[in-house]
Amino acid sequence: MNKFKVTGFTFWGDSRFISDDIDENDRPTPRDYADMKRAVVNYLADTDTFFLPEYHQHGEYGVPILNDKYRFECSMRAWGRVLADAFGGDYVEYYCHFDDSYPIKLPDEDMRK
């Protein structure tokens, strides 16, 4: 069972939540990071929440919050991999895509922090 759960969405760098950067100061371990990613992938797939890497880094609600504590922030390439894991296809399809041809579905209102 995964110990992480997506509990909301916020913007990149929101200081109310801890970055998921891996270090020795109460930060997630590499194993935790894999579990965090799995929680995000499962949430996106289960709810059909979908937005491209550009929105992940620059949108108002593009960063998943895990356990009301951690921000799940990653590179645009890594977010492309998250989308590929959730929705199939090659991560490059998402990572290199900057037009409006994908249907965007932002997080539900009750998940916006």
N, C-alpha and C. Protein backbone atom coordinates (compact mmCIF):
# COMPACT_ATOMS: atom_id res chain seq x y z
N MET A 1 0.84 -1.18 0.00
CA MET A 1 0.00 0.00 0.00
C MET A 1 0.88 1.24 0.00
N ASN A 2 0.51 2.21 -0.78
CA ASN A 2 1.28 3.44 -0.89
C ASN A 2 1.00 4.35 0.31
N LYS A 3 2.04 4.86 0.94
CA LYS A 3 1.85 5.74 2.09
C LYS A 3 1.57 7.18 1.68
N PHE A 4 1.63 7.46 0.37
CA PHE A 4 1.36 8.82 -0.12
C PHE A 4 0.03 8.89 -0.85
N LYS A 5 -0.62 10.04 -0.71
CA LYS A 5 -1.90 10.28 -1.36
C LYS A 5 -1.93 11.74 -1.82
N VAL A 6 -2.47 11.96 -3.02
CA VAL A 6 -2.64 13.34 -3.50
C VAL A 6 -3.79 13.95 -2.72
N THR A 7 -3.51 15.07 -2.05
CA THR A 7 -4.52 15.73 -1.22
C THR A 7 -4.90 17.11 -1.73
N GLY A 8 -4.27 17.53 -2.83
CA GLY A 8 -4.60 18.83 -3.39
C GLY A 8 -3.61 19.22 -4.47
N PHE A 9 -3.77 20.44 -4.98
CA PHE A 9 -2.87 20.99 -5.99
C PHE A 9 -2.60 22.45 -5.66
N THR A 10 -1.40 22.89 -5.96
CA THR A 10 -1.00 24.27 -5.70
C THR A 10 -0.07 24.72 -6.83
N PHE A 11 0.63 25.81 -6.61
CA PHE A 11 1.56 26.34 -7.62
C PHE A 11 2.99 26.00 -7.24
N TRP A 12 3.86 26.06 -8.22
CA TRP A 12 5.29 25.76 -8.06
C TRP A 12 5.89 26.69 -7.01
N GLY A 13 6.56 26.12 -6.02
CA GLY A 13 7.27 26.92 -5.02
C GLY A 13 6.42 27.40 -3.86
N ASP A 14 5.17 26.97 -3.76
CA ASP A 14 4.29 27.40 -2.67
C ASP A 14 4.94 27.03 -1.33
N SER A 15 5.32 28.03 -0.55
CA SER A 15 6.08 27.79 0.68
C SER A 15 5.24 27.20 1.81
N ARG A 16 3.94 27.05 1.61
CA ARG A 16 3.12 26.41 2.64
C ARG A 16 3.38 24.90 2.70
N PHE A 17 4.04 24.37 1.66
CA PHE A 17 4.29 22.94 1.58
C PHE A 17 5.78 22.71 1.35
N ILE A 18 6.28 21.54 1.76
CA ILE A 18 7.69 21.19 1.65
C ILE A 18 7.98 20.69 0.25
N SER A 19 9.08 21.14 -0.31
CA SER A 19 9.52 20.63 -1.60
C SER A 19 9.84 19.15 -1.47
N ASP A 20 9.69 18.42 -2.56
CA ASP A 20 10.02 17.00 -2.53
C ASP A 20 11.49 16.75 -2.87
N ASP A 21 12.32 17.81 -2.83
CA ASP A 21 13.75 17.62 -3.05
C ASP A 21 14.28 16.64 -2.03
N ILE A 22 15.16 15.76 -2.47
CA ILE A 22 15.67 14.71 -1.59
C ILE A 22 16.93 15.19 -0.88
N ASP A 23 16.87 15.27 0.44
CA ASP A 23 18.04 15.59 1.24
C ASP A 23 17.89 14.94 2.61
N GLU A 24 18.74 15.31 3.54
CA GLU A 24 18.73 14.66 4.85
C GLU A 24 17.91 15.40 5.89
N ASN A 25 17.21 16.44 5.52
CA ASN A 25 16.47 17.25 6.49
C ASN A 25 14.96 17.01 6.38
N ASP A 26 14.52 15.84 6.82
CA ASP A 26 13.08 15.49 6.81
C ASP A 26 12.50 15.55 5.40
N ARG A 27 13.27 15.19 4.44
CA ARG A 27 12.79 15.16 3.06
C ARG A 27 12.59 13.71 2.64
N PRO A 28 11.82 13.50 1.62
CA PRO A 28 11.60 12.12 1.15
C PRO A 28 12.89 11.45 0.68
N THR A 29 12.94 10.14 0.86
CA THR A 29 14.05 9.34 0.37
C THR A 29 13.80 8.99 -1.09
N PRO A 30 14.80 8.47 -1.79
CA PRO A 30 14.55 8.04 -3.18
C PRO A 30 13.40 7.03 -3.29
N ARG A 31 13.28 6.14 -2.33
CA ARG A 31 12.15 5.19 -2.33
C ARG A 31 10.84 5.93 -2.18
N ASP A 32 10.81 6.92 -1.30
CA ASP A 32 9.61 7.73 -1.14
C ASP A 32 9.24 8.41 -2.45
N TYR A 33 10.24 8.90 -3.18
CA TYR A 33 9.96 9.60 -4.43
C TYR A 33 9.22 8.69 -5.41
N ALA A 34 9.64 7.42 -5.50
CA ALA A 34 8.96 6.48 -6.39
C ALA A 34 7.51 6.28 -5.95
N ASP A 35 7.28 6.20 -4.64
CA ASP A 35 5.91 6.06 -4.13
C ASP A 35 5.10 7.33 -4.38
N MET A 36 5.74 8.49 -4.24
CA MET A 36 5.07 9.76 -4.52
C MET A 36 4.63 9.82 -5.98
N LYS A 37 5.54 9.47 -6.86
CA LYS A 37 5.22 9.49 -8.29
C LYS A 37 4.07 8.54 -8.59
N ARG A 38 4.10 7.35 -8.01
CA ARG A 38 3.02 6.38 -8.23
C ARG A 38 1.68 6.95 -7.75
N ALA A 39 1.67 7.64 -6.61
CA ALA A 39 0.44 8.25 -6.11
C ALA A 39 -0.09 9.30 -7.08
N VAL A 40 0.81 10.11 -7.64
CA VAL A 40 0.40 11.14 -8.60
C VAL A 40 -0.12 10.49 -9.87
N VAL A 41 0.60 9.51 -10.39
CA VAL A 41 0.17 8.81 -11.62
C VAL A 41 -1.21 8.21 -11.41
N ASN A 42 -1.41 7.52 -10.30
CA ASN A 42 -2.71 6.89 -10.03
C ASN A 42 -3.82 7.92 -9.92
N TYR A 43 -3.55 9.03 -9.24
CA TYR A 43 -4.57 10.07 -9.10
C TYR A 43 -4.96 10.64 -10.46
N LEU A 44 -3.97 10.99 -11.26
CA LEU A 44 -4.26 11.56 -12.58
C LEU A 44 -5.08 10.58 -13.42
N ALA A 45 -4.67 9.32 -13.44
CA ALA A 45 -5.38 8.31 -14.23
C ALA A 45 -6.80 8.10 -13.71
N ASP A 46 -6.96 8.03 -12.41
CA ASP A 46 -8.28 7.76 -11.82
C ASP A 46 -9.27 8.90 -12.02
N THR A 47 -8.77 10.14 -12.08
CA THR A 47 -9.66 11.31 -12.16
C THR A 47 -9.65 11.97 -13.54
N ASP A 48 -8.83 11.46 -14.45
CA ASP A 48 -8.64 12.07 -15.78
C ASP A 48 -8.14 13.51 -15.70
N THR A 49 -7.50 13.86 -14.59
CA THR A 49 -6.88 15.18 -14.48
C THR A 49 -5.67 15.20 -15.40
N PHE A 50 -5.60 16.21 -16.27
CA PHE A 50 -4.56 16.23 -17.28
C PHE A 50 -4.15 17.67 -17.60
N PHE A 51 -2.86 17.94 -17.50
CA PHE A 51 -2.30 19.21 -17.97
C PHE A 51 -0.85 18.96 -18.33
N LEU A 52 -0.38 19.73 -19.28
CA LEU A 52 0.95 19.54 -19.84
C LEU A 52 2.04 20.08 -18.91
N PRO A 53 3.30 19.74 -19.18
CA PRO A 53 4.41 20.16 -18.31
C PRO A 53 4.51 21.67 -18.10
N GLU A 54 4.20 22.44 -19.11
CA GLU A 54 4.25 23.89 -18.96
C GLU A 54 3.33 24.35 -17.83
N TYR A 55 2.12 23.80 -17.76
CA TYR A 55 1.19 24.16 -16.70
C TYR A 55 1.67 23.60 -15.35
N HIS A 56 2.26 22.42 -15.35
CA HIS A 56 2.79 21.87 -14.10
C HIS A 56 3.74 22.86 -13.43
N GLN A 57 4.59 23.49 -14.22
CA GLN A 57 5.58 24.40 -13.64
C GLN A 57 5.09 25.84 -13.51
N HIS A 58 4.13 26.25 -14.32
CA HIS A 58 3.75 27.67 -14.33
C HIS A 58 2.28 27.94 -14.04
N GLY A 59 1.47 26.90 -13.91
CA GLY A 59 0.05 27.09 -13.68
C GLY A 59 -0.29 27.27 -12.22
N GLU A 60 -1.46 27.81 -11.97
CA GLU A 60 -1.89 28.10 -10.61
C GLU A 60 -2.12 26.83 -9.78
N TYR A 61 -2.53 25.74 -10.43
CA TYR A 61 -2.80 24.49 -9.71
C TYR A 61 -2.11 23.31 -10.39
N GLY A 62 -0.87 23.48 -10.78
CA GLY A 62 -0.16 22.46 -11.53
C GLY A 62 0.71 21.53 -10.71
N VAL A 63 0.84 21.77 -9.42
CA VAL A 63 1.74 20.97 -8.58
C VAL A 63 0.92 20.15 -7.58
N PRO A 64 0.98 18.83 -7.68
CA PRO A 64 0.28 17.99 -6.71
C PRO A 64 0.86 18.16 -5.30
N ILE A 65 -0.03 18.09 -4.32
CA ILE A 65 0.35 18.10 -2.91
C ILE A 65 0.09 16.69 -2.39
N LEU A 66 1.05 16.15 -1.67
CA LEU A 66 0.94 14.81 -1.13
C LEU A 66 0.87 14.86 0.39
N ASN A 67 -0.12 14.18 0.94
CA ASN A 67 -0.30 14.07 2.40
C ASN A 67 -0.37 15.43 3.08
N ASP A 68 -0.93 16.43 2.40
CA ASP A 68 -1.03 17.79 2.93
C ASP A 68 0.31 18.34 3.39
N LYS A 69 1.41 17.85 2.81
CA LYS A 69 2.73 18.25 3.29
C LYS A 69 3.72 18.55 2.17
N TYR A 70 3.82 17.66 1.18
CA TYR A 70 4.87 17.78 0.16
C TYR A 70 4.34 18.28 -1.17
N ARG A 71 5.11 19.14 -1.83
CA ARG A 71 4.85 19.52 -3.22
C ARG A 71 5.57 18.52 -4.11
N PHE A 72 4.88 18.00 -5.11
CA PHE A 72 5.52 17.10 -6.07
C PHE A 72 5.88 17.93 -7.30
N GLU A 73 7.11 18.44 -7.32
CA GLU A 73 7.60 19.29 -8.41
C GLU A 73 8.64 18.51 -9.19
N CYS A 74 8.57 18.58 -10.50
CA CYS A 74 9.56 17.88 -11.31
C CYS A 74 9.81 18.64 -12.61
N SER A 75 10.82 18.23 -13.31
CA SER A 75 11.15 18.86 -14.58
C SER A 75 10.03 18.62 -15.59
N MET A 76 10.04 19.37 -16.65
CA MET A 76 9.03 19.17 -17.69
C MET A 76 9.15 17.77 -18.30
N ARG A 77 10.36 17.32 -18.48
CA ARG A 77 10.57 15.97 -19.01
C ARG A 77 10.01 14.93 -18.05
N ALA A 78 10.27 15.08 -16.75
CA ALA A 78 9.76 14.13 -15.77
C ALA A 78 8.23 14.16 -15.71
N TRP A 79 7.64 15.36 -15.85
CA TRP A 79 6.17 15.44 -15.87
C TRP A 79 5.62 14.73 -17.11
N GLY A 80 6.33 14.82 -18.22
CA GLY A 80 5.95 14.06 -19.40
C GLY A 80 5.92 12.57 -19.12
N ARG A 81 6.89 12.11 -18.33
CA ARG A 81 6.91 10.68 -17.95
C ARG A 81 5.73 10.34 -17.02
N VAL A 82 5.39 11.24 -16.12
CA VAL A 82 4.22 11.04 -15.26
C VAL A 82 2.97 10.87 -16.13
N LEU A 83 2.80 11.75 -17.11
CA LEU A 83 1.64 11.68 -17.99
C LEU A 83 1.64 10.40 -18.81
N ALA A 84 2.81 10.01 -19.31
CA ALA A 84 2.90 8.76 -20.08
C ALA A 84 2.53 7.56 -19.22
N ASP A 85 2.96 7.56 -17.96
CA ASP A 85 2.61 6.46 -17.06
C ASP A 85 1.11 6.45 -16.77
N ALA A 86 0.51 7.62 -16.68
CA ALA A 86 -0.92 7.72 -16.35
C ALA A 86 -1.82 7.45 -17.55
N PHE A 87 -1.40 7.92 -18.74
CA PHE A 87 -2.30 7.91 -19.90
C PHE A 87 -1.76 7.13 -21.10
N GLY A 88 -0.56 6.60 -21.00
CA GLY A 88 0.03 5.85 -22.11
C GLY A 88 0.76 6.74 -23.08
N GLY A 89 1.45 6.12 -24.01
CA GLY A 89 2.20 6.87 -25.01
C GLY A 89 3.63 7.12 -24.56
N ASP A 90 4.32 7.87 -25.38
CA ASP A 90 5.71 8.22 -25.14
C ASP A 90 5.77 9.57 -24.43
N TYR A 91 6.62 9.68 -23.41
CA TYR A 91 6.69 10.93 -22.65
C TYR A 91 7.02 12.12 -23.54
N VAL A 92 7.73 11.88 -24.65
CA VAL A 92 8.10 12.97 -25.55
C VAL A 92 6.86 13.64 -26.15
N GLU A 93 5.80 12.86 -26.35
CA GLU A 93 4.54 13.42 -26.86
C GLU A 93 4.05 14.55 -25.96
N TYR A 94 4.21 14.37 -24.67
CA TYR A 94 3.73 15.36 -23.71
C TYR A 94 4.78 16.43 -23.43
N TYR A 95 6.01 16.00 -23.31
CA TYR A 95 7.11 16.91 -22.97
C TYR A 95 7.33 17.96 -24.06
N CYS A 96 7.18 17.60 -25.30
CA CYS A 96 7.47 18.49 -26.42
C CYS A 96 6.22 19.13 -27.01
N HIS A 97 5.12 19.09 -26.30
CA HIS A 97 3.85 19.55 -26.85
C HIS A 97 3.44 20.88 -26.21
N PHE A 98 3.29 21.90 -27.03
CA PHE A 98 2.98 23.22 -26.47
C PHE A 98 1.75 23.88 -27.10
N ASP A 99 0.93 23.11 -27.82
CA ASP A 99 -0.28 23.73 -28.37
C ASP A 99 -1.49 23.23 -27.59
N ASP A 100 -2.67 23.58 -28.04
CA ASP A 100 -3.89 23.26 -27.30
C ASP A 100 -4.62 22.02 -27.81
N SER A 101 -3.94 21.14 -28.51
CA SER A 101 -4.64 20.00 -29.08
C SER A 101 -4.98 18.91 -28.06
N TYR A 102 -4.34 18.91 -26.89
CA TYR A 102 -4.70 17.95 -25.84
C TYR A 102 -5.82 18.54 -25.00
N PRO A 103 -6.79 17.73 -24.63
CA PRO A 103 -7.88 18.24 -23.76
C PRO A 103 -7.35 18.40 -22.33
N ILE A 104 -7.35 19.60 -21.83
CA ILE A 104 -6.86 19.90 -20.49
C ILE A 104 -8.01 19.71 -19.50
N LYS A 105 -7.73 19.03 -18.41
CA LYS A 105 -8.69 18.91 -17.31
C LYS A 105 -7.94 19.23 -16.02
N LEU A 106 -8.20 20.40 -15.48
CA LEU A 106 -7.53 20.83 -14.25
C LEU A 106 -8.14 20.12 -13.04
N PRO A 107 -7.45 20.16 -11.92
CA PRO A 107 -8.00 19.52 -10.71
C PRO A 107 -9.36 20.10 -10.34
N ASP A 108 -10.20 19.26 -9.75
CA ASP A 108 -11.51 19.72 -9.29
C ASP A 108 -11.34 20.84 -8.26
N GLU A 109 -12.35 21.69 -8.17
CA GLU A 109 -12.31 22.85 -7.26
C GLU A 109 -11.92 22.48 -5.83
N ASP A 110 -12.45 21.38 -5.33
CA ASP A 110 -12.18 21.01 -3.93
C ASP A 110 -10.75 20.55 -3.70
N MET A 111 -9.99 20.35 -4.77
CA MET A 111 -8.58 19.93 -4.65
C MET A 111 -7.62 21.11 -4.82
N ARG A 112 -8.13 22.28 -5.07
CA ARG A 112 -7.28 23.46 -5.29
C ARG A 112 -7.01 24.15 -3.97
N LYS A 113 -5.72 24.23 -3.61
CA LYS A 113 -5.34 24.81 -2.30
C LYS A 113 -4.86 26.24 -2.46
